[in-house]
Structures are given as structure tokens and as C-alpha cells.
C-alpha atoms as a PDB file:
ATOM      1  CA  UNK A   1      -6.554   3.581 -57.199  1.00  0.00           C
ATOM      2  CA  UNK A   2      -3.125   4.623 -55.950  1.00  0.00           C
ATOM      3  CA  UNK A   3      -4.640   7.609 -54.162  1.00  0.00           C
ATOM      4  CA  UNK A   4      -7.195   5.390 -52.419  1.00  0.00           C
ATOM      5  CA  UNK A   5      -4.457   2.995 -51.253  1.00  0.00           C
ATOM      6  CA  UNK A   6      -2.383   5.912 -50.000  1.00  0.00           C
ATOM      7  CA  UNK A   7      -5.404   7.296 -48.134  1.00  0.00           C
ATOM      8  CA  UNK A   8      -6.131   3.892 -46.516  1.00  0.00           C
ATOM      9  CA  UNK A   9      -2.457   3.542 -45.571  1.00  0.00           C
ATOM     10  CA  UNK A  10      -2.382   7.025 -44.062  1.00  0.00           C
ATOM     11  CA  UNK A  11      -5.593   6.303 -42.137  1.00  0.00           C
ATOM     12  CA  UNK A  12      -4.156   3.021 -40.800  1.00  0.00           C
ATOM     13  CA  UNK A  13      -0.921   4.764 -39.800  1.00  0.00           C
ATOM     14  CA  UNK A  14      -2.879   7.532 -38.057  1.00  0.00           C
ATOM     15  CA  UNK A  15      -4.992   4.951 -36.137  1.00  0.00           C
ATOM     16  CA  UNK A  16      -1.895   3.052 -34.995  1.00  0.00           C
ATOM     17  CA  UNK A  17      -0.160   6.279 -33.950  1.00  0.00           C
ATOM     18  CA  UNK A  18      -3.262   7.456 -32.075  1.00  0.00           C
ATOM     19  CA  UNK A  19      -3.605   4.183 -30.159  1.00  0.00           C
ATOM     20  CA  UNK A  20       0.106   4.247 -29.264  1.00  0.00           C
ATOM     21  CA  UNK A  21      -0.046   7.855 -28.047  1.00  0.00           C
ATOM     22  CA  UNK A  22      -3.200   7.170 -26.024  1.00  0.00           C
ATOM     23  CA  UNK A  23      -1.564   4.160 -24.360  1.00  0.00           C
ATOM     24  CA  UNK A  24       1.583   6.145 -23.541  1.00  0.00           C
ATOM     25  CA  UNK A  25      -0.392   9.131 -22.256  1.00  0.00           C
ATOM     26  CA  UNK A  26      -2.716   7.110 -20.016  1.00  0.00           C
ATOM     27  CA  UNK A  27       0.070   4.917 -18.619  1.00  0.00           C
ATOM     28  CA  UNK A  28       1.578   8.045 -17.081  1.00  0.00           C
ATOM     29  CA  UNK A  29      -1.542   8.450 -14.947  1.00  0.00           C
ATOM     30  CA  UNK A  30      -1.461   4.897 -13.614  1.00  0.00           C
ATOM     31  CA  UNK A  31      -1.224   4.852  -9.794  1.00  0.00           C
ATOM     32  CA  UNK A  32       2.176   3.942  -8.387  1.00  0.00           C
ATOM     33  CA  UNK A  33       1.666   3.545  -4.637  1.00  0.00           C
ATOM     34  CA  UNK A  34       3.998   1.764  -2.208  1.00  0.00           C
ATOM     35  CA  UNK A  35       2.334   0.425   0.973  1.00  0.00           C
ATOM     36  CA  UNK A  36       4.665   1.568   3.745  1.00  0.00           C
ATOM     37  CA  UNK A  37       4.401   0.953   7.480  1.00  0.00           C
ATOM     38  CA  UNK A  38       5.587   3.418  10.106  1.00  0.00           C
ATOM     39  CA  UNK A  39       6.462   2.244  13.623  1.00  0.00           C
ATOM     40  CA  UNK A  40       6.743   5.067  16.162  1.00  0.00           C
ATOM     41  CA  UNK A  41       8.313   4.141  19.526  1.00  0.00           C
ATOM     42  CA  UNK A  42       6.813   5.717  22.612  1.00  0.00           C
ATOM     43  CA  UNK A  43       9.445   7.521  24.723  1.00  0.00           C
ATOM     44  CA  UNK A  44      10.453   5.807  27.983  1.00  0.00           C
ATOM     45  CA  UNK A  45       8.447   2.704  27.075  1.00  0.00           C
ATOM     46  CA  UNK A  46       8.780  -0.543  25.146  1.00  0.00           C
ATOM     47  CA  UNK A  47       5.459   0.180  23.432  1.00  0.00           C
ATOM     48  CA  UNK A  48       4.916   1.744  20.042  1.00  0.00           C
ATOM     49  CA  UNK A  49       2.215   2.827  17.624  1.00  0.00           C
ATOM     50  CA  UNK A  50       1.816   1.382  14.132  1.00  0.00           C
ATOM     51  CA  UNK A  51       0.528   3.295  11.092  1.00  0.00           C
ATOM     52  CA  UNK A  52       0.080   2.434   7.426  1.00  0.00           C
ATOM     53  CA  UNK A  53       1.730   5.085   5.252  1.00  0.00           C
ATOM     54  CA  UNK A  54       0.851   4.726   1.575  1.00  0.00           C
ATOM     55  CA  UNK A  55       3.405   6.582  -0.553  1.00  0.00           C
ATOM     56  CA  UNK A  56       2.572   7.778  -4.055  1.00  0.00           C
ATOM     57  CA  UNK A  57       5.815   7.371  -5.986  1.00  0.00           C
ATOM     58  CA  UNK A  58       4.183   8.244  -9.301  1.00  0.00           C
ATOM     59  CA  UNK A  59       4.083  11.626 -10.967  1.00  0.00           C
ATOM     60  CA  UNK A  60       0.309  12.181 -10.674  1.00  0.00           C
ATOM     61  CA  UNK A  61      -2.238  12.107  -7.830  1.00  0.00           C
ATOM     62  CA  UNK A  62      -4.352   9.023  -7.264  1.00  0.00           C
ATOM     63  CA  UNK A  63      -6.944   7.720  -4.829  1.00  0.00           C
ATOM     64  CA  UNK A  64      -6.265   5.091  -2.159  1.00  0.00           C
ATOM     65  CA  UNK A  65      -8.436   3.116   0.261  1.00  0.00           C
ATOM     66  CA  UNK A  66      -7.333   0.740   3.037  1.00  0.00           C
ATOM     67  CA  UNK A  67      -9.412  -2.163   4.315  1.00  0.00           C
ATOM     68  CA  UNK A  68      -9.069  -5.313   6.442  1.00  0.00           C
ATOM     69  CA  UNK A  69      -6.393  -3.662   8.616  1.00  0.00           C
ATOM     70  CA  UNK A  70      -5.489  -6.131  11.369  1.00  0.00           C
ATOM     71  CA  UNK A  71      -2.679  -6.009  13.925  1.00  0.00           C
ATOM     72  CA  UNK A  72      -1.877  -9.383  15.515  1.00  0.00           C
ATOM     73  CA  UNK A  73       0.126  -9.304  18.718  1.00  0.00           C
ATOM     74  CA  UNK A  74       1.055 -12.902  19.412  1.00  0.00           C
ATOM     75  CA  UNK A  75      -2.252 -14.795  19.496  1.00  0.00           C
ATOM     76  CA  UNK A  76      -4.415 -11.652  19.846  1.00  0.00           C
ATOM     77  CA  UNK A  77      -5.911 -10.037  16.743  1.00  0.00           C
ATOM     78  CA  UNK A  78      -6.993  -6.378  16.757  1.00  0.00           C
ATOM     79  CA  UNK A  79      -8.818  -4.865  13.773  1.00  0.00           C
ATOM     80  CA  UNK A  80      -9.042  -1.260  12.655  1.00  0.00           C
ATOM     81  CA  UNK A  81     -12.125   0.145  10.879  1.00  0.00           C
ATOM     82  CA  UNK A  82     -11.850   0.363   7.095  1.00  0.00           C
ATOM     83  CA  UNK A  83     -11.516   3.709   5.343  1.00  0.00           C
ATOM     84  CA  UNK A  84     -15.028   4.889   4.569  1.00  0.00           C
ATOM     85  CA  UNK A  85     -13.992   7.175   1.695  1.00  0.00           C
ATOM     86  CA  UNK A  86     -11.275   7.343  -0.921  1.00  0.00           C
ATOM     87  CA  UNK A  87      -8.228   9.399   0.068  1.00  0.00           C
ATOM     88  CA  UNK A  88      -6.626  11.591  -2.598  1.00  0.00           C
ATOM     89  CA  UNK A  89      -2.895  10.940  -2.418  1.00  0.00           C
ATOM     90  CA  UNK A  90      -0.628  13.629  -3.892  1.00  0.00           C
ATOM     91  CA  UNK A  91       2.553  12.651  -5.744  1.00  0.00           C
ATOM     92  CA  UNK A  92       4.746  14.662  -3.439  1.00  0.00           C
ATOM     93  CA  UNK A  93       7.140  13.090  -0.955  1.00  0.00           C
ATOM     94  CA  UNK A  94       6.593  16.155   1.232  1.00  0.00           C
ATOM     95  CA  UNK A  95       3.108  15.029   2.268  1.00  0.00           C
ATOM     96  CA  UNK A  96       2.995  12.026   4.598  1.00  0.00           C
ATOM     97  CA  UNK A  97      -0.321  10.249   5.086  1.00  0.00           C
ATOM     98  CA  UNK A  98      -0.536   8.060   8.197  1.00  0.00           C
ATOM     99  CA  UNK A  99      -3.493   5.754   8.820  1.00  0.00           C
ATOM    100  CA  UNK A 100      -3.362   4.425  12.409  1.00  0.00           C
ATOM    101  CA  UNK A 101      -3.367   0.627  12.579  1.00  0.00           C
ATOM    102  CA  UNK A 102      -2.941   0.075  16.298  1.00  0.00           C
ATOM    103  CA  UNK A 103      -0.825   0.291  19.405  1.00  0.00           C
ATOM    104  CA  UNK A 104       1.395  -2.290  21.104  1.00  0.00           C
ATOM    105  CA  UNK A 105       1.965  -1.740  24.809  1.00  0.00           C
ATOM    106  CA  UNK A 106       4.847  -2.820  27.075  1.00  0.00           C
ATOM    107  CA  UNK A 107       3.122  -6.068  28.066  1.00  0.00           C
ATOM    108  CA  UNK A 108       2.701  -7.167  24.441  1.00  0.00           C
ATOM    109  CA  UNK A 109       6.369  -6.500  23.629  1.00  0.00           C
ATOM    110  CA  UNK A 110       7.523  -8.295  26.801  1.00  0.00           C
ATOM    111  CA  UNK A 111       5.307 -11.319  26.086  1.00  0.00           C
ATOM    112  CA  UNK A 112       6.684 -11.561  22.532  1.00  0.00           C
ATOM    113  CA  UNK A 113      10.286 -11.298  23.730  1.00  0.00           C
ATOM    114  CA  UNK A 114       9.737 -13.935  26.439  1.00  0.00           C
ATOM    115  CA  UNK A 115       7.882 -16.344  24.114  1.00  0.00           C
ATOM    116  CA  UNK A 116       4.582 -16.466  26.018  1.00  0.00           C
ATOM    117  CA  UNK A 117       2.351 -16.799  22.940  1.00  0.00           C
ATOM    118  CA  UNK A 118       1.876 -19.719  20.579  1.00  0.00           C
ATOM    119  CA  UNK A 119       2.825 -17.388  17.698  1.00  0.00           C
ATOM    120  CA  UNK A 120       5.522 -15.080  19.048  1.00  0.00           C
ATOM    121  CA  UNK A 121       5.473 -12.286  16.518  1.00  0.00           C
ATOM    122  CA  UNK A 122       3.620  -9.107  15.678  1.00  0.00           C
ATOM    123  CA  UNK A 123       1.926  -9.014  12.275  1.00  0.00           C
ATOM    124  CA  UNK A 124       0.203  -6.232  10.384  1.00  0.00           C
ATOM    125  CA  UNK A 125      -2.015  -7.208   7.449  1.00  0.00           C
ATOM    126  CA  UNK A 126      -4.128  -4.980   5.247  1.00  0.00           C
ATOM    127  CA  UNK A 127      -5.607  -4.620   1.773  1.00  0.00           C
ATOM    128  CA  UNK A 128      -4.918  -1.513  -0.291  1.00  0.00           C
ATOM    129  CA  UNK A 129      -6.876  -0.397  -3.348  1.00  0.00           C
ATOM    130  CA  UNK A 130      -5.607   2.354  -5.615  1.00  0.00           C
ATOM    131  CA  UNK A 131      -7.346   3.989  -8.519  1.00  0.00           C
ATOM    132  CA  UNK A 132      -6.306   6.726 -10.918  1.00  0.00           C
ATOM    133  CA  UNK A 133      -8.047  10.077 -10.670  1.00  0.00           C
ATOM    134  CA  UNK A 134      -9.892   9.457 -13.943  1.00  0.00           C
ATOM    135  CA  UNK A 135     -11.095   6.054 -12.542  1.00  0.00           C
ATOM    136  CA  UNK A 136      -9.452   4.138 -15.379  1.00  0.00           C
ATOM    137  CA  UNK A 137      -6.693   2.142 -13.674  1.00  0.00           C
ATOM    138  CA  UNK A 138      -7.430   0.235 -10.490  1.00  0.00           C
ATOM    139  CA  UNK A 139      -5.245  -2.102  -8.464  1.00  0.00           C
ATOM    140  CA  UNK A 140      -5.847  -4.070  -5.297  1.00  0.00           C
ATOM    141  CA  UNK A 141      -3.076  -5.671  -3.256  1.00  0.00           C
ATOM    142  CA  UNK A 142      -2.812  -7.495   0.050  1.00  0.00           C
ATOM    143  CA  UNK A 143       0.112  -6.707   2.317  1.00  0.00           C
ATOM    144  CA  UNK A 144       1.694  -8.487   5.274  1.00  0.00           C
ATOM    145  CA  UNK A 145       4.361  -7.024   7.546  1.00  0.00           C
ATOM    146  CA  UNK A 146       6.167  -8.405  10.555  1.00  0.00           C
ATOM    147  CA  UNK A 147       7.111  -5.948  13.258  1.00  0.00           C
ATOM    148  CA  UNK A 148      10.326  -7.154  14.804  1.00  0.00           C
ATOM    149  CA  UNK A 149      10.634  -6.197  18.498  1.00  0.00           C
ATOM    150  CA  UNK A 150      13.560  -8.336  19.610  1.00  0.00           C
ATOM    151  CA  UNK A 151      16.055  -5.546  18.939  1.00  0.00           C
ATOM    152  CA  UNK A 152      16.418  -2.159  20.573  1.00  0.00           C
ATOM    153  CA  UNK A 153      13.959  -0.420  18.226  1.00  0.00           C
ATOM    154  CA  UNK A 154      10.910  -1.981  16.536  1.00  0.00           C
ATOM    155  CA  UNK A 155      11.167  -2.388  12.759  1.00  0.00           C
ATOM    156  CA  UNK A 156       8.558  -3.275  10.125  1.00  0.00           C
ATOM    157  CA  UNK A 157       9.617  -5.887   7.567  1.00  0.00           C
ATOM    158  CA  UNK A 158       7.564  -6.697   4.459  1.00  0.00           C
ATOM    159  CA  UNK A 159       6.594 -10.395   4.318  1.00  0.00           C
ATOM    160  CA  UNK A 160       5.087 -11.146   0.885  1.00  0.00           C
ATOM    161  CA  UNK A 161       5.471 -14.892   1.493  1.00  0.00           C
ATOM    162  CA  UNK A 162       2.727 -14.701   4.159  1.00  0.00           C
ATOM    163  CA  UNK A 163       0.098 -13.666   1.638  1.00  0.00           C
ATOM    164  CA  UNK A 164      -2.031 -16.535   0.379  1.00  0.00           C
ATOM    165  CA  UNK A 165      -2.496 -16.539  -3.388  1.00  0.00           C
ATOM    166  CA  UNK A 166      -6.097 -17.543  -3.999  1.00  0.00           C
END
């Protein structure tokens, strides 16, 4: 009887340990991706190009896909085609992935600075899906950025308050 209880206790302890180790092991492979935005000024011009730069800050590779990429310049909305395939994103900071989101020319910047639109700002919105390489962990987020052009150089600022929670 004592041996049977010891065996059941050992089996229960082994099951608990196994589930804990599995959870710890698989959590290391969870995707950790930050949705960055890169604004590249064009020399001798007020214009600039805008790119989405997802950065894998985790320790393992993962897959990423961007959709619903839209650049709004004042009252004008310009969309970019969605990614057709998953992109494998390495964990290295040495590799920079840039997905072009659009271009703002001199006229757009001037019209924003002079207040000629109803909404005088530049917005970039997109949805980003990430999934682990073993297809176990998946996450989908919506992002909104404002590109500030009133200063000398354009800057992208994350605006989470612009995202509607449905």
C-alpha cells in the first residue's frame, strides 16, 4: 500500500514537473516583435519615405505578416498591398527588415505645415501578425503612428490611443 502511494506521488510529481518544463521551454519560443516605423528624409527636399520595420527582440526566429497598411496624409488615404507570404524574422539586431508603406512629397508636408487639410497630420496604421516557427504562439496587433513634420526632421510617434478597441 505504501509503495503504491509512493508510486502515485512520484507519478504526480513527474507530471507536474513535465508540464512546468514544457511551459518554460515553449515560452522561450514565443514571438517578441516590436512594430517599428522608419522615416527616411529625402536629401534637398521636404519629402520622405515611410517604412514599417518589425524588430524581433526575442531570442528565436519567428514569422511576421503585415496587412491593412495605410498612410494618411491630411485627408488623403493611401494604402499599400498586404504581404502575400509570411516573412521569417531572425532574432538578430544586425538584420533590418523594411516594408515600404509610402512616400510623402514636398506638397504634402507643406500642406500639413500650413493647415490646408481638415485633419492636419500624417498617420500610418497597420496590422501585424506574428507566429512562432512551430506555429504554436500567434499574436495580432493593430498599430497607429503619427509622423510629425512640423520640426526640422520628420519623426514617427506611436499613438496607441488612436486604436479602437472592438
